[in-house]
Protein backbone atom coordinates (compact mmCIF):
# COMPACT_ATOMS: atom_id res chain seq x y z
CA MET A 1 33.88 30.53 30.02
CA HIS A 2 33.41 26.98 30.36
CA ASP A 3 30.17 27.38 28.42
CA ARG A 4 31.78 29.01 25.92
CA GLU A 5 34.15 25.85 25.51
CA GLU A 6 31.11 23.69 25.48
CA ARG A 7 29.63 25.57 22.88
CA LEU A 8 33.07 25.71 20.62
CA ARG A 9 33.32 22.07 20.81
CA GLU A 10 29.53 21.31 19.79
CA LEU A 11 29.97 23.01 16.97
CA ALA A 12 33.17 21.53 15.85
CA ALA A 13 31.21 18.35 16.31
CA ARG A 14 28.63 19.88 14.06
CA ARG A 15 30.58 20.78 12.03
CA GLY A 16 32.35 16.99 12.08
CA ARG A 17 28.90 15.50 11.16
CA ILE A 18 28.32 17.55 8.09
CA ALA A 19 31.32 17.35 6.80
CA GLY A 20 31.48 13.19 7.06
CA LEU A 21 28.11 13.20 6.06
CA LEU A 22 28.23 14.82 3.06
CA THR A 23 31.91 12.88 2.33
CA ALA A 24 30.01 9.63 2.87
CA ALA A 25 27.77 10.94 0.20
CA VAL A 26 30.68 11.25 -2.34
CA VAL A 27 32.17 8.32 -2.04
CA VAL A 28 28.69 5.88 -2.21
CA ILE A 29 27.93 7.72 -5.34
CA TYR A 30 31.64 7.62 -6.68
CA PHE A 31 32.01 3.64 -5.98
CA GLY A 32 28.67 3.21 -7.19
CA PHE A 33 29.65 4.33 -10.06
CA ILE A 34 32.80 2.22 -10.27
CA LEU A 35 31.22 -0.51 -9.42
CA LEU A 36 29.08 -0.48 -12.16
CA VAL A 37 32.23 0.21 -14.39
CA ALA A 38 33.28 -3.14 -12.95
CA TYR A 39 30.03 -5.28 -13.33
CA ASN A 40 27.78 -3.80 -15.78
CA LYS A 41 29.63 -2.64 -18.28
CA PRO A 42 26.92 -3.14 -21.17
CA LEU A 43 24.42 -1.33 -19.30
CA LEU A 44 26.16 2.54 -19.33
CA ALA A 45 26.66 1.25 -23.04
CA THR A 46 23.08 2.18 -23.17
CA PRO A 47 22.44 4.71 -25.45
CA VAL A 48 20.40 7.74 -24.30
CA THR A 49 20.45 9.79 -27.15
CA ARG A 50 22.60 10.02 -30.05
CA GLY A 51 26.16 10.27 -29.25
CA LEU A 52 25.36 9.83 -25.59
CA THR A 53 25.48 6.77 -23.69
CA LEU A 54 24.24 5.78 -20.17
CA GLY A 55 27.87 5.83 -18.57
CA ILE A 56 28.97 9.01 -19.69
CA LEU A 57 26.00 10.52 -18.56
CA LEU A 58 26.43 8.90 -15.30
CA GLY A 59 29.96 9.98 -14.99
CA ALA A 60 29.08 13.53 -15.54
CA LEU A 61 26.47 13.05 -12.67
CA VAL A 62 29.66 12.08 -10.17
CA ILE A 63 31.33 15.27 -11.32
CA VAL A 64 28.04 17.16 -10.70
CA ALA A 65 27.04 15.64 -7.81
CA SER A 66 30.79 16.16 -6.12
CA TRP A 67 30.46 20.17 -7.24
CA ILE A 68 27.03 20.00 -5.37
CA THR A 69 28.30 18.38 -2.77
CA THR A 70 30.86 20.93 -2.24
CA TRP A 71 28.50 24.35 -2.75
CA LEU A 72 26.13 22.46 0.15
CA TYR A 73 29.28 22.47 2.39
CA VAL A 74 30.55 26.16 1.87
CA ARG A 75 26.90 27.71 2.09
CA TRP A 76 26.86 25.33 5.34
CA ALA A 77 29.74 26.86 6.26
CA ASN A 78 29.09 30.65 5.58
CA ASN A 79 26.03 31.31 6.42
CA THR A 80 26.03 28.79 10.06
CA TYR A 81 29.55 27.80 11.21
CA ASP A 82 31.41 30.74 10.42
CA VAL A 83 28.37 32.98 12.01
CA GLU A 84 28.62 30.68 15.07
CA LEU A 85 32.29 30.68 15.38
CA GLU A 86 32.38 34.74 15.18
CA ARG A 87 29.48 34.94 18.20
CA LEU A 88 31.55 32.39 20.20
CA ARG A 89 34.56 34.90 19.56
């Protein structure tokens, strides 16, 4: 029984580390973009192609990055966390 509880604690700690790492990644990406908006508007106004500036492209990539980190967490949770949790039951 004690071993099971210890493995459950380890699994919960691993989930916390994964969630913290992915959250930190999203925060860095988001605030990096916001800092660019605040301090380097001329860079963001740089045209990439006709009708598309670097700012619009980076803004879209911030959204895509949040989708990707969410997908990574869900994939990890489904393939690792849920499987381990079921095994511990």
